[in-house]
Amino acid sequence: MRYYERLKSVREDHDLTQADIADLLQTTRQQVSKWETGVQMMGVDKYITLAKYYNVSVDYLLGLIDTPRKLQ
């Protein structure tokens, strides 16, 4: 799975909208859409925030592993 597909998949698994994530990351819904479609890359700080919010490792969000690992 590509990193941007994982971002969308995890968000949908948590029944969240792009607007919900935009509020969390203090950005716009349009920016979240760009990240989820692979048009732009999200910054490391945003990945860290999402990893903490979802309680999964950044490597899972990046699509490097297929099984989510919880943060310690």
PDB file of N, CA and C in Angstrom:
ATOM      1  N   MET A   1       0.851  -1.178   0.000  1.00  0.00           N
ATOM      2  CA  MET A   1       0.000   0.000   0.000  1.00  0.00           C
ATOM      3  C   MET A   1       0.892   1.234   0.000  1.00  0.00           C
ATOM      4  N   ARG A   2       0.543   2.188  -0.831  1.00  0.00           N
ATOM      5  CA  ARG A   2       1.294   3.444  -0.880  1.00  0.00           C
ATOM      6  C   ARG A   2       1.012   4.270   0.375  1.00  0.00           C
ATOM      7  N   TYR A   3       1.964   5.104   0.721  1.00  0.00           N
ATOM      8  CA  TYR A   3       1.842   5.894   1.959  1.00  0.00           C
ATOM      9  C   TYR A   3       0.565   6.729   1.976  1.00  0.00           C
ATOM     10  N   TYR A   4       0.221   7.328   0.856  1.00  0.00           N
ATOM     11  CA  TYR A   4      -0.959   8.188   0.845  1.00  0.00           C
ATOM     12  C   TYR A   4      -2.251   7.382   0.925  1.00  0.00           C
ATOM     13  N   GLU A   5      -2.240   6.164   0.392  1.00  0.00           N
ATOM     14  CA  GLU A   5      -3.406   5.288   0.536  1.00  0.00           C
ATOM     15  C   GLU A   5      -3.588   4.879   1.994  1.00  0.00           C
ATOM     16  N   ARG A   6      -2.479   4.673   2.689  1.00  0.00           N
ATOM     17  CA  ARG A   6      -2.537   4.304   4.104  1.00  0.00           C
ATOM     18  C   ARG A   6      -3.128   5.445   4.934  1.00  0.00           C
ATOM     19  N   LEU A   7      -2.746   6.677   4.627  1.00  0.00           N
ATOM     20  CA  LEU A   7      -3.285   7.823   5.365  1.00  0.00           C
ATOM     21  C   LEU A   7      -4.811   7.857   5.272  1.00  0.00           C
ATOM     22  N   LYS A   8      -5.319   7.662   4.084  1.00  0.00           N
ATOM     23  CA  LYS A   8      -6.771   7.673   3.885  1.00  0.00           C
ATOM     24  C   LYS A   8      -7.420   6.473   4.562  1.00  0.00           C
ATOM     25  N   SER A   9      -6.823   5.311   4.411  1.00  0.00           N
ATOM     26  CA  SER A   9      -7.374   4.085   4.983  1.00  0.00           C
ATOM     27  C   SER A   9      -7.486   4.167   6.508  1.00  0.00           C
ATOM     28  N   VAL A  10      -6.439   4.630   7.144  1.00  0.00           N
ATOM     29  CA  VAL A  10      -6.441   4.741   8.609  1.00  0.00           C
ATOM     30  C   VAL A  10      -7.481   5.759   9.057  1.00  0.00           C
ATOM     31  N   ARG A  11      -7.553   6.867   8.356  1.00  0.00           N
ATOM     32  CA  ARG A  11      -8.562   7.883   8.701  1.00  0.00           C
ATOM     33  C   ARG A  11      -9.964   7.299   8.605  1.00  0.00           C
ATOM     34  N   GLU A  12     -10.238   6.609   7.507  1.00  0.00           N
ATOM     35  CA  GLU A  12     -11.564   6.020   7.322  1.00  0.00           C
ATOM     36  C   GLU A  12     -11.850   4.921   8.335  1.00  0.00           C
ATOM     37  N   ASP A  13     -10.828   4.162   8.710  1.00  0.00           N
ATOM     38  CA  ASP A  13     -11.003   3.116   9.730  1.00  0.00           C
ATOM     39  C   ASP A  13     -11.444   3.706  11.067  1.00  0.00           C
ATOM     40  N   HIS A  14     -11.091   4.951  11.304  1.00  0.00           N
ATOM     41  CA  HIS A  14     -11.459   5.638  12.551  1.00  0.00           C
ATOM     42  C   HIS A  14     -12.715   6.499  12.383  1.00  0.00           C
ATOM     43  N   ASP A  15     -13.388   6.337  11.248  1.00  0.00           N
ATOM     44  CA  ASP A  15     -14.619   7.093  10.960  1.00  0.00           C
ATOM     45  C   ASP A  15     -14.431   8.596  11.096  1.00  0.00           C
ATOM     46  N   LEU A  16     -13.305   9.083  10.571  1.00  0.00           N
ATOM     47  CA  LEU A  16     -13.002  10.508  10.603  1.00  0.00           C
ATOM     48  C   LEU A  16     -13.086  11.093   9.197  1.00  0.00           C
ATOM     49  N   THR A  17     -13.377  12.370   9.125  1.00  0.00           N
ATOM     50  CA  THR A  17     -13.401  13.070   7.846  1.00  0.00           C
ATOM     51  C   THR A  17     -12.075  13.784   7.621  1.00  0.00           C
ATOM     52  N   GLN A  18     -11.876  14.228   6.400  1.00  0.00           N
ATOM     53  CA  GLN A  18     -10.684  15.028   6.124  1.00  0.00           C
ATOM     54  C   GLN A  18     -10.708  16.303   6.962  1.00  0.00           C
ATOM     55  N   ALA A  19     -11.886  16.840   7.193  1.00  0.00           N
ATOM     56  CA  ALA A  19     -12.000  18.049   8.024  1.00  0.00           C
ATOM     57  C   ALA A  19     -11.565  17.772   9.460  1.00  0.00           C
ATOM     58  N   ASP A  20     -11.891  16.581   9.982  1.00  0.00           N
ATOM     59  CA  ASP A  20     -11.458  16.215  11.334  1.00  0.00           C
ATOM     60  C   ASP A  20      -9.938  16.210  11.426  1.00  0.00           C
ATOM     61  N   ILE A  21      -9.292  15.612  10.434  1.00  0.00           N
ATOM     62  CA  ILE A  21      -7.826  15.535  10.431  1.00  0.00           C
ATOM     63  C   ILE A  21      -7.225  16.928  10.220  1.00  0.00           C
ATOM     64  N   ALA A  22      -7.857  17.715   9.379  1.00  0.00           N
ATOM     65  CA  ALA A  22      -7.382  19.090   9.167  1.00  0.00           C
ATOM     66  C   ALA A  22      -7.393  19.863  10.481  1.00  0.00           C
ATOM     67  N   ASP A  23      -8.448  19.711  11.258  1.00  0.00           N
ATOM     68  CA  ASP A  23      -8.508  20.385  12.563  1.00  0.00           C
ATOM     69  C   ASP A  23      -7.392  19.898  13.480  1.00  0.00           C
ATOM     70  N   LEU A  24      -7.185  18.589  13.517  1.00  0.00           N
ATOM     71  CA  LEU A  24      -6.137  18.008  14.361  1.00  0.00           C
ATOM     72  C   LEU A  24      -4.758  18.540  13.972  1.00  0.00           C
ATOM     73  N   LEU A  25      -4.504  18.616  12.673  1.00  0.00           N
ATOM     74  CA  LEU A  25      -3.183  19.016  12.182  1.00  0.00           C
ATOM     75  C   LEU A  25      -3.089  20.519  11.906  1.00  0.00           C
ATOM     76  N   GLN A  26      -4.128  21.249  12.237  1.00  0.00           N
ATOM     77  CA  GLN A  26      -4.166  22.705  12.070  1.00  0.00           C
ATOM     78  C   GLN A  26      -3.835  23.110  10.633  1.00  0.00           C
ATOM     79  N   THR A  27      -4.599  22.524   9.711  1.00  0.00           N
ATOM     80  CA  THR A  27      -4.438  22.827   8.297  1.00  0.00           C
ATOM     81  C   THR A  27      -5.822  22.826   7.656  1.00  0.00           C
ATOM     82  N   THR A  28      -5.873  22.759   6.348  1.00  0.00           N
ATOM     83  CA  THR A  28      -7.152  22.771   5.649  1.00  0.00           C
ATOM     84  C   THR A  28      -7.534  21.370   5.159  1.00  0.00           C
ATOM     85  N   ARG A  29      -8.802  21.193   4.897  1.00  0.00           N
ATOM     86  CA  ARG A  29      -9.276  19.932   4.337  1.00  0.00           C
ATOM     87  C   ARG A  29      -8.644  19.704   2.966  1.00  0.00           C
ATOM     88  N   GLN A  30      -8.452  20.779   2.218  1.00  0.00           N
ATOM     89  CA  GLN A  30      -7.835  20.663   0.898  1.00  0.00           C
ATOM     90  C   GLN A  30      -6.404  20.135   0.999  1.00  0.00           C
ATOM     91  N   GLN A  31      -5.682  20.562   2.027  1.00  0.00           N
ATOM     92  CA  GLN A  31      -4.314  20.080   2.211  1.00  0.00           C
ATOM     93  C   GLN A  31      -4.313  18.602   2.548  1.00  0.00           C
ATOM     94  N   VAL A  32      -5.236  18.176   3.399  1.00  0.00           N
ATOM     95  CA  VAL A  32      -5.344  16.753   3.741  1.00  0.00           C
ATOM     96  C   VAL A  32      -5.633  15.948   2.481  1.00  0.00           C
ATOM     97  N   SER A  33      -6.495  16.454   1.622  1.00  0.00           N
ATOM     98  CA  SER A  33      -6.801  15.782   0.360  1.00  0.00           C
ATOM     99  C   SER A  33      -5.544  15.616  -0.492  1.00  0.00           C
ATOM    100  N   LYS A  34      -4.713  16.638  -0.549  1.00  0.00           N
ATOM    101  CA  LYS A  34      -3.459  16.554  -1.318  1.00  0.00           C
ATOM    102  C   LYS A  34      -2.548  15.475  -0.753  1.00  0.00           C
ATOM    103  N   TRP A  35      -2.486  15.354   0.567  1.00  0.00           N
ATOM    104  CA  TRP A  35      -1.654  14.315   1.176  1.00  0.00           C
ATOM    105  C   TRP A  35      -2.213  12.930   0.868  1.00  0.00           C
ATOM    106  N   GLU A  36      -3.539  12.791   0.939  1.00  0.00           N
ATOM    107  CA  GLU A  36      -4.173  11.484   0.745  1.00  0.00           C
ATOM    108  C   GLU A  36      -4.199  11.031  -0.710  1.00  0.00           C
ATOM    109  N   THR A  37      -3.961  11.939  -1.636  1.00  0.00           N
ATOM    110  CA  THR A  37      -3.917  11.568  -3.052  1.00  0.00           C
ATOM    111  C   THR A  37      -2.485  11.521  -3.582  1.00  0.00           C
ATOM    112  N   GLY A  38      -1.525  11.829  -2.737  1.00  0.00           N
ATOM    113  CA  GLY A  38      -0.129  11.767  -3.139  1.00  0.00           C
ATOM    114  C   GLY A  38       0.348  12.975  -3.924  1.00  0.00           C
ATOM    115  N   VAL A  39      -0.447  14.028  -3.982  1.00  0.00           N
ATOM    116  CA  VAL A  39      -0.057  15.233  -4.698  1.00  0.00           C
ATOM    117  C   VAL A  39       1.080  15.937  -3.965  1.00  0.00           C
ATOM    118  N   GLN A  40       1.029  15.931  -2.637  1.00  0.00           N
ATOM    119  CA  GLN A  40       2.088  16.518  -1.814  1.00  0.00           C
ATOM    120  C   GLN A  40       2.441  15.562  -0.685  1.00  0.00           C
ATOM    121  N   MET A  41       3.674  15.686  -0.227  1.00  0.00           N
ATOM    122  CA  MET A  41       4.124  14.900   0.923  1.00  0.00           C
ATOM    123  C   MET A  41       3.829  15.666   2.209  1.00  0.00           C
ATOM    124  N   MET A  42       3.453  14.924   3.222  1.00  0.00           N
ATOM    125  CA  MET A  42       3.204  15.504   4.533  1.00  0.00           C
ATOM    126  C   MET A  42       4.527  15.581   5.295  1.00  0.00           C
ATOM    127  N   GLY A  43       4.693  16.596   6.111  1.00  0.00           N
ATOM    128  CA  GLY A  43       5.901  16.762   6.900  1.00  0.00           C
ATOM    129  C   GLY A  43       6.002  15.751   8.036  1.00  0.00           C
ATOM    130  N   VAL A  44       7.207  15.535   8.473  1.00  0.00           N
ATOM    131  CA  VAL A  44       7.472  14.575   9.544  1.00  0.00           C
ATOM    132  C   VAL A  44       6.693  14.925  10.811  1.00  0.00           C
ATOM    133  N   ASP A  45       6.602  16.197  11.117  1.00  0.00           N
ATOM    134  CA  ASP A  45       5.882  16.610  12.326  1.00  0.00           C
ATOM    135  C   ASP A  45       4.419  16.185  12.272  1.00  0.00           C
ATOM    136  N   LYS A  46       3.824  16.228  11.093  1.00  0.00           N
ATOM    137  CA  LYS A  46       2.428  15.814  10.942  1.00  0.00           C
ATOM    138  C   LYS A  46       2.293  14.299  11.100  1.00  0.00           C
ATOM    139  N   TYR A  47       3.252  13.544  10.554  1.00  0.00           N
ATOM    140  CA  TYR A  47       3.237  12.084  10.732  1.00  0.00           C
ATOM    141  C   TYR A  47       3.337  11.715  12.211  1.00  0.00           C
ATOM    142  N   ILE A  48       4.173  12.412  12.934  1.00  0.00           N
ATOM    143  CA  ILE A  48       4.324  12.139  14.361  1.00  0.00           C
ATOM    144  C   ILE A  48       3.018  12.418  15.093  1.00  0.00           C
ATOM    145  N   THR A  49       2.376  13.519  14.773  1.00  0.00           N
ATOM    146  CA  THR A  49       1.096  13.856  15.398  1.00  0.00           C
ATOM    147  C   THR A  49       0.055  12.780  15.104  1.00  0.00           C
ATOM    148  N   LEU A  50      -0.023  12.341  13.850  1.00  0.00           N
ATOM    149  CA  LEU A  50      -0.991  11.297  13.493  1.00  0.00           C
ATOM    150  C   LEU A  50      -0.658   9.967  14.161  1.00  0.00           C
ATOM    151  N   ALA A  51       0.609   9.623  14.226  1.00  0.00           N
ATOM    152  CA  ALA A  51       1.013   8.376  14.870  1.00  0.00           C
ATOM    153  C   ALA A  51       0.574   8.363  16.330  1.00  0.00           C
ATOM    154  N   LYS A  52       0.774   9.461  17.015  1.00  0.00           N
ATOM    155  CA  LYS A  52       0.352   9.557  18.412  1.00  0.00           C
ATOM    156  C   LYS A  52      -1.167   9.508  18.522  1.00  0.00           C
ATOM    157  N   TYR A  53      -1.857  10.188  17.640  1.00  0.00           N
ATOM    158  CA  TYR A  53      -3.317  10.237  17.675  1.00  0.00           C
ATOM    159  C   TYR A  53      -3.916   8.849  17.440  1.00  0.00           C
ATOM    160  N   TYR A  54      -3.396   8.139  16.436  1.00  0.00           N
ATOM    161  CA  TYR A  54      -3.907   6.802  16.108  1.00  0.00           C
ATOM    162  C   TYR A  54      -3.262   5.699  16.943  1.00  0.00           C
ATOM    163  N   ASN A  55      -2.219   6.033  17.677  1.00  0.00           N
ATOM    164  CA  ASN A  55      -1.448   5.066  18.461  1.00  0.00           C
ATOM    165  C   ASN A  55      -0.888   3.943  17.587  1.00  0.00           C
ATOM    166  N   VAL A  56      -0.258   4.357  16.484  1.00  0.00           N
ATOM    167  CA  VAL A  56       0.425   3.417  15.589  1.00  0.00           C
ATOM    168  C   VAL A  56       1.789   4.002  15.235  1.00  0.00           C
ATOM    169  N   SER A  57       2.674   3.151  14.774  1.00  0.00           N
ATOM    170  CA  SER A  57       4.016   3.607  14.419  1.00  0.00           C
ATOM    171  C   SER A  57       4.001   4.378  13.097  1.00  0.00           C
ATOM    172  N   VAL A  58       4.961   5.260  12.950  1.00  0.00           N
ATOM    173  CA  VAL A  58       5.082   6.049  11.726  1.00  0.00           C
ATOM    174  C   VAL A  58       5.380   5.134  10.537  1.00  0.00           C
ATOM    175  N   ASP A  59       6.145   4.074  10.743  1.00  0.00           N
ATOM    176  CA  ASP A  59       6.440   3.180   9.620  1.00  0.00           C
ATOM    177  C   ASP A  59       5.170   2.516   9.087  1.00  0.00           C
ATOM    178  N   TYR A  60       4.188   2.301   9.926  1.00  0.00           N
ATOM    179  CA  TYR A  60       2.897   1.793   9.463  1.00  0.00           C
ATOM    180  C   TYR A  60       2.181   2.860   8.634  1.00  0.00           C
ATOM    181  N   LEU A  61       2.153   4.099   9.112  1.00  0.00           N
ATOM    182  CA  LEU A  61       1.512   5.172   8.361  1.00  0.00           C
ATOM    183  C   LEU A  61       2.185   5.400   7.014  1.00  0.00           C
ATOM    184  N   LEU A  62       3.482   5.174   6.946  1.00  0.00           N
ATOM    185  CA  LEU A  62       4.224   5.348   5.699  1.00  0.00           C
ATOM    186  C   LEU A  62       4.072   4.163   4.749  1.00  0.00           C
ATOM    187  N   GLY A  63       3.419   3.109   5.203  1.00  0.00           N
ATOM    188  CA  GLY A  63       3.229   1.940   4.357  1.00  0.00           C
ATOM    189  C   GLY A  63       4.441   1.031   4.282  1.00  0.00           C
ATOM    190  N   LEU A  64       5.402   1.208   5.195  1.00  0.00           N
ATOM    191  CA  LEU A  64       6.603   0.374   5.194  1.00  0.00           C
ATOM    192  C   LEU A  64       6.348  -1.000   5.799  1.00  0.00           C
ATOM    193  N   ILE A  65       5.374  -1.079   6.691  1.00  0.00           N
ATOM    194  CA  ILE A  65       4.956  -2.361   7.258  1.00  0.00           C
ATOM    195  C   ILE A  65       3.440  -2.452   7.114  1.00  0.00           C
ATOM    196  N   ASP A  66       2.928  -3.669   7.079  1.00  0.00           N
ATOM    197  CA  ASP A  66       1.496  -3.863   6.870  1.00  0.00           C
ATOM    198  C   ASP A  66       0.707  -4.125   8.140  1.00  0.00           C
ATOM    199  N   THR A  67       1.393  -4.437   9.209  1.00  0.00           N
ATOM    200  CA  THR A  67       0.722  -4.690  10.486  1.00  0.00           C
ATOM    201  C   THR A  67       1.013  -3.531  11.424  1.00  0.00           C
ATOM    202  N   PRO A  68      -0.038  -2.862  11.899  1.00  0.00           N
ATOM    203  CA  PRO A  68       0.212  -1.710  12.778  1.00  0.00           C
ATOM    204  C   PRO A  68       0.884  -2.120  14.079  1.00  0.00           C
ATOM    205  N   ARG A  69       1.843  -1.319  14.503  1.00  0.00           N
ATOM    206  CA  ARG A  69       2.485  -1.506  15.805  1.00  0.00           C
ATOM    207  C   ARG A  69       2.085  -0.353  16.686  1.00  0.00           C
ATOM    208  N   LYS A  70       1.648  -0.662  17.875  1.00  0.00           N
ATOM    209  CA  LYS A  70       1.272   0.400  18.826  1.00  0.00           C
ATOM    210  C   LYS A  70       2.511   1.098  19.328  1.00  0.00           C
ATOM    211  N   LEU A  71       2.344   2.361  19.677  1.00  0.00           N
ATOM    212  CA  LEU A  71       3.434   3.111  20.282  1.00  0.00           C
ATOM    213  C   LEU A  71       3.609   2.682  21.713  1.00  0.00           C
ATOM    214  N   GLN A  72       4.802   2.782  22.214  1.00  0.00           N
ATOM    215  CA  GLN A  72       5.090   2.364  23.579  1.00  0.00           C
ATOM    216  C   GLN A  72       4.901   3.496  24.540  1.00  0.00           C
TER     217      GLN A  72
END
